[in-house]
Amino acid sequence: MLETIEEKCQKNGVKLTDQRRIIARVISESKKTYGESDHPDVDELYNRVSQIDSKISIATVYRTVKLFEEAGILTKHDFKSGKARYELNDDHNHLIDIKTGEIIEFVDEEIEELQKKIADKYGYKLVDHKLELYGIKKK
C-alpha cells in the first residue's frame, strides 16, 4: 500500500500545520475522488481546498506544494500543458494523449529493468527516473 502524503511528511520530518494537513489530504485523495489520472495544478488544488477551509489562501497552497516537492513527497509534471501538475511521488510512468489530455499511469517491469540496464551500461546506479510517453489513440 502506498504511503499518504501525511505519512511521508511525518517520515521526512515535514511539519504539518492544520492547513498543510488539509492540502495533503486533498492531494492524497484526488485520485479516489476525481479519477485515476487526476494530476491537479495549484488552481485546482486551491479550489478543492477552499471548499474545505475558505481561510486557506492560494499563496499557502503554492508554498505547501513547493515544500512537499522540495521534500521529495510530490512530483511536479508539465505534460506539455503549460501548467505544472502535481502528484504523490511514487514509481510509475505516464502515457499522455495529446488530443484529449488523458493521462494513463502505468508500471512495466520490462521498462524498469531496461532503465537499470542502460544506467549500468554507462556505469551508473539508477536513483530516479521519469518516463512520459505522448501519443494519439489509435482508431
Protein backbone atom coordinates (compact mmCIF):
# COMPACT_ATOMS: atom_id res chain seq x y z
CA MET A 1 0.00 0.00 0.00
CA LEU A 2 1.28 3.44 -0.91
CA GLU A 3 2.06 5.95 1.81
CA THR A 4 -0.14 9.02 2.08
CA ILE A 5 1.39 12.48 1.92
CA GLU A 6 0.78 12.87 5.66
CA GLU A 7 2.76 9.67 6.34
CA LYS A 8 5.57 10.80 4.02
CA CYS A 9 5.70 14.20 5.76
CA GLN A 10 5.99 12.54 9.15
CA LYS A 11 8.72 10.21 7.86
CA ASN A 12 10.64 13.12 6.27
CA GLY A 13 10.28 15.49 9.23
CA VAL A 14 7.99 17.96 7.44
CA LYS A 15 5.81 19.77 9.99
CA LEU A 16 2.12 19.62 9.15
CA THR A 17 0.03 22.59 10.23
CA ASP A 18 -3.75 22.19 10.05
CA GLN A 19 -3.80 23.94 6.66
CA ARG A 20 -0.96 21.79 5.27
CA ARG A 21 -2.76 18.69 6.55
CA ILE A 22 -5.89 19.66 4.58
CA ILE A 23 -3.84 20.30 1.44
CA ALA A 24 -2.04 16.96 1.89
CA ARG A 25 -5.33 15.12 2.35
CA VAL A 26 -6.86 16.73 -0.77
CA ILE A 27 -3.83 15.73 -2.88
CA SER A 28 -3.76 12.20 -1.43
CA GLU A 29 -7.44 11.70 -2.09
CA SER A 30 -7.51 13.33 -5.53
CA LYS A 31 -7.27 10.04 -7.43
CA LYS A 32 -10.09 8.42 -5.49
CA THR A 33 -12.31 11.48 -5.80
CA TYR A 34 -11.50 12.82 -9.25
CA GLY A 35 -10.40 9.76 -11.25
CA GLU A 36 -7.37 7.61 -11.91
CA SER A 37 -5.37 10.14 -13.91
CA ASP A 38 -6.04 13.22 -11.80
CA HIS A 39 -2.91 15.37 -11.57
CA PRO A 40 -4.16 18.69 -10.17
CA ASP A 41 -2.48 22.02 -10.75
CA VAL A 42 -2.29 24.62 -7.97
CA ASP A 43 -5.51 26.36 -9.06
CA GLU A 44 -7.42 23.07 -8.98
CA LEU A 45 -5.94 22.26 -5.57
CA TYR A 46 -6.88 25.69 -4.26
CA ASN A 47 -10.49 25.28 -5.45
CA ARG A 48 -10.77 21.88 -3.74
CA VAL A 49 -9.03 23.00 -0.54
CA SER A 50 -11.05 26.22 -0.22
CA GLN A 51 -14.26 24.16 -0.22
CA ILE A 52 -12.99 22.54 2.99
CA ASP A 53 -11.41 25.64 4.58
CA SER A 54 -12.07 29.02 2.97
CA LYS A 55 -9.30 30.62 5.08
CA ILE A 56 -6.56 28.81 3.12
CA SER A 57 -5.08 31.24 0.58
CA ILE A 58 -3.74 30.33 -2.84
CA ALA A 59 -0.32 31.53 -1.59
CA THR A 60 -0.48 28.88 1.16
CA VAL A 61 -1.29 26.22 -1.43
CA TYR A 62 1.69 27.35 -3.58
CA ARG A 63 4.07 27.35 -0.60
CA THR A 64 2.85 23.96 0.63
CA VAL A 65 3.13 22.33 -2.79
CA LYS A 66 6.66 23.73 -3.15
CA LEU A 67 7.59 22.45 0.34
CA PHE A 68 6.23 18.97 -0.47
CA GLU A 69 8.06 18.96 -3.81
CA GLU A 70 11.38 20.02 -2.23
CA ALA A 71 10.98 17.27 0.40
CA GLY A 72 10.55 14.67 -2.38
CA ILE A 73 6.95 13.98 -1.38
CA LEU A 74 5.32 15.36 -4.53
CA THR A 75 6.40 15.16 -8.13
CA LYS A 76 5.87 18.12 -10.45
CA HIS A 77 4.87 17.39 -14.06
CA ASP A 78 4.44 19.60 -17.10
CA PHE A 79 2.80 17.15 -19.53
CA LYS A 80 3.22 19.89 -22.16
CA SER A 81 0.01 21.53 -20.96
CA GLY A 82 1.59 24.79 -19.83
CA LYS A 83 0.59 24.21 -16.20
CA ALA A 84 2.57 22.43 -13.53
CA ARG A 85 0.66 19.43 -12.20
CA TYR A 86 1.38 17.50 -9.02
CA GLU A 87 1.03 14.01 -7.63
CA LEU A 88 2.37 11.80 -4.88
CA ASN A 89 5.94 10.77 -5.63
CA ASP A 90 5.84 7.05 -6.38
CA ASP A 91 7.33 4.84 -9.07
CA HIS A 92 5.16 4.85 -12.18
CA ASN A 93 5.20 6.21 -15.73
CA HIS A 94 2.74 8.21 -17.82
CA LEU A 95 1.17 7.90 -21.27
CA ILE A 96 -0.41 11.21 -22.28
CA ASP A 97 -2.99 11.53 -25.05
CA ILE A 98 -2.01 14.78 -26.79
CA LYS A 99 -5.51 15.31 -28.20
CA THR A 100 -7.62 14.74 -25.08
CA GLY A 101 -5.08 15.34 -22.32
CA GLU A 102 -5.95 11.96 -20.76
CA ILE A 103 -3.10 10.68 -18.59
CA ILE A 104 -2.66 6.95 -18.13
CA GLU A 105 -0.39 5.81 -15.31
CA PHE A 106 1.41 2.51 -15.73
CA VAL A 107 4.21 0.36 -14.37
CA ASP A 108 6.02 -2.03 -16.67
CA GLU A 109 8.68 -4.35 -15.25
CA GLU A 110 10.43 -4.66 -18.64
CA ILE A 111 10.86 -0.87 -18.82
CA GLU A 112 12.07 -0.76 -15.20
CA GLU A 113 14.71 -3.42 -15.95
CA LEU A 114 15.74 -1.77 -19.21
CA GLN A 115 16.29 1.57 -17.45
CA LYS A 116 18.53 -0.14 -14.88
CA LYS A 117 20.47 -1.93 -17.65
CA ILE A 118 21.02 1.32 -19.52
CA ALA A 119 22.28 3.10 -16.38
CA ASP A 120 24.52 0.12 -15.59
CA LYS A 121 25.85 0.03 -19.17
CA TYR A 122 27.09 3.60 -18.75
CA GLY A 123 28.46 3.00 -15.26
CA TYR A 124 25.63 4.47 -13.20
CA LYS A 125 23.38 3.28 -10.43
CA LEU A 126 19.86 4.43 -11.21
CA VAL A 127 18.44 6.51 -8.34
CA ASP A 128 15.41 8.09 -10.04
CA HIS A 129 13.67 8.30 -13.39
CA LYS A 130 10.71 9.87 -15.14
CA LEU A 131 9.13 8.44 -18.27
CA GLU A 132 6.44 10.31 -20.17
CA LEU A 133 5.11 8.93 -23.44
CA TYR A 134 2.97 11.16 -25.69
CA GLY A 135 0.59 9.72 -28.25
CA ILE A 136 -2.68 9.75 -30.12
CA LYS A 137 -5.23 6.98 -29.57
CA LYS A 138 -5.40 4.54 -32.49
CA LYS A 139 -8.73 4.31 -34.24
